[in-house]
Amino acid sequence: MALLIEQDCINCDMCEPECPNEAIFYGESIYEIDPDKCTECIGHYDNPQCIDVCPIDCIITDPEHKESPQELLNKFKTLYQM
């Protein structure tokens, strides 16, 4: 599943530079995650880096973008042409 930044985001700028897929960007009022680029760091790290660095735990699994670990790995391979 892709991840989602909730509305209680404080725009601390911690998550955006940690994303290896450049899926995190500043939206209209808070940071957002592009579900087409988010692999939950599969292919790069054992854990989603944005969740690891978020000081207020406002990043959750996006209920509208459910994907299995294999689907996330396939997305990673597509993003990096493997």
Protein backbone atom coordinates (compact mmCIF):
# COMPACT_ATOMS: atom_id res chain seq x y z
CA MET A 1 0.00 0.00 0.00
CA ALA A 2 1.09 3.52 -0.55
CA LEU A 3 1.37 5.74 2.46
CA LEU A 4 -0.65 8.81 3.37
CA ILE A 5 0.26 11.89 5.39
CA GLU A 6 -2.61 12.89 7.66
CA GLN A 7 -3.90 16.43 8.17
CA ASP A 8 -2.13 16.82 11.52
CA CYS A 9 1.20 17.07 9.66
CA ILE A 10 3.24 19.96 11.10
CA ASN A 11 5.34 20.49 7.94
CA CYS A 12 8.55 19.77 9.80
CA ASP A 13 10.37 18.89 6.54
CA MET A 14 11.72 15.61 7.95
CA CYS A 15 10.03 13.15 5.57
CA GLU A 16 10.55 14.69 2.14
CA PRO A 17 14.35 14.35 1.93
CA GLU A 18 14.21 10.77 3.28
CA CYS A 19 12.04 9.40 0.45
CA PRO A 20 14.23 7.44 -1.99
CA ASN A 21 11.51 7.57 -4.67
CA GLU A 22 10.89 11.32 -4.41
CA ALA A 23 7.23 10.51 -3.76
CA ILE A 24 6.80 13.15 -1.04
CA PHE A 25 6.08 16.74 -2.03
CA TYR A 26 4.63 19.86 -0.47
CA GLY A 27 0.94 20.10 -1.34
CA GLU A 28 -1.52 22.93 -0.80
CA SER A 29 -1.09 23.00 2.98
CA ILE A 30 0.86 19.91 4.08
CA TYR A 31 3.23 17.36 2.62
CA GLU A 32 1.62 14.71 0.43
CA ILE A 33 2.69 11.35 -0.98
CA ASP A 34 2.30 10.39 -4.64
CA PRO A 35 0.85 6.85 -4.50
CA ASP A 36 2.26 6.09 -7.95
CA LYS A 37 5.80 6.56 -6.63
CA CYS A 38 5.45 5.26 -3.06
CA THR A 39 6.76 1.73 -2.53
CA GLU A 40 6.89 2.04 1.28
CA CYS A 41 10.66 1.95 0.68
CA ILE A 42 10.54 -1.65 -0.57
CA GLY A 43 13.60 -2.09 -2.75
CA HIS A 44 15.55 0.45 -0.72
CA TYR A 45 15.04 -0.10 3.01
CA ASP A 46 13.41 -2.53 5.44
CA ASN A 47 11.06 0.14 6.81
CA PRO A 48 9.41 3.23 5.34
CA GLN A 49 11.87 6.02 6.07
CA CYS A 50 9.22 8.74 6.28
CA ILE A 51 7.48 6.88 9.10
CA ASP A 52 10.79 6.38 10.90
CA VAL A 53 11.59 10.12 10.92
CA CYS A 54 8.10 11.57 11.47
CA PRO A 55 8.09 13.18 14.93
CA ILE A 56 4.31 13.12 15.32
CA ASP A 57 3.42 9.78 13.69
CA CYS A 58 1.06 11.26 11.12
CA ILE A 59 1.93 8.88 8.25
CA ILE A 60 -0.37 5.91 7.78
CA THR A 61 -1.17 3.26 5.20
CA ASP A 62 -3.38 4.79 2.53
CA PRO A 63 -6.68 2.87 2.60
CA GLU A 64 -7.41 3.92 -0.99
CA HIS A 65 -4.19 2.41 -2.38
CA LYS A 66 -3.92 -1.14 -1.11
CA GLU A 67 -0.97 -3.06 -2.53
CA SER A 68 0.76 -6.26 -1.50
CA PRO A 69 4.49 -6.36 -0.81
CA GLN A 70 4.94 -8.04 -4.20
CA GLU A 71 2.99 -5.27 -5.94
CA LEU A 72 5.15 -2.68 -4.18
CA LEU A 73 8.29 -4.52 -5.30
CA ASN A 74 6.96 -4.61 -8.87
CA LYS A 75 6.31 -0.86 -8.68
CA PHE A 76 9.89 -0.36 -7.46
CA LYS A 77 11.21 -2.40 -10.40
CA THR A 78 9.10 -0.36 -12.82
CA LEU A 79 10.27 2.94 -11.34
CA TYR A 80 13.89 1.89 -11.69
CA GLN A 81 13.52 -0.06 -14.97
CA MET A 82 14.71 -3.36 -13.52
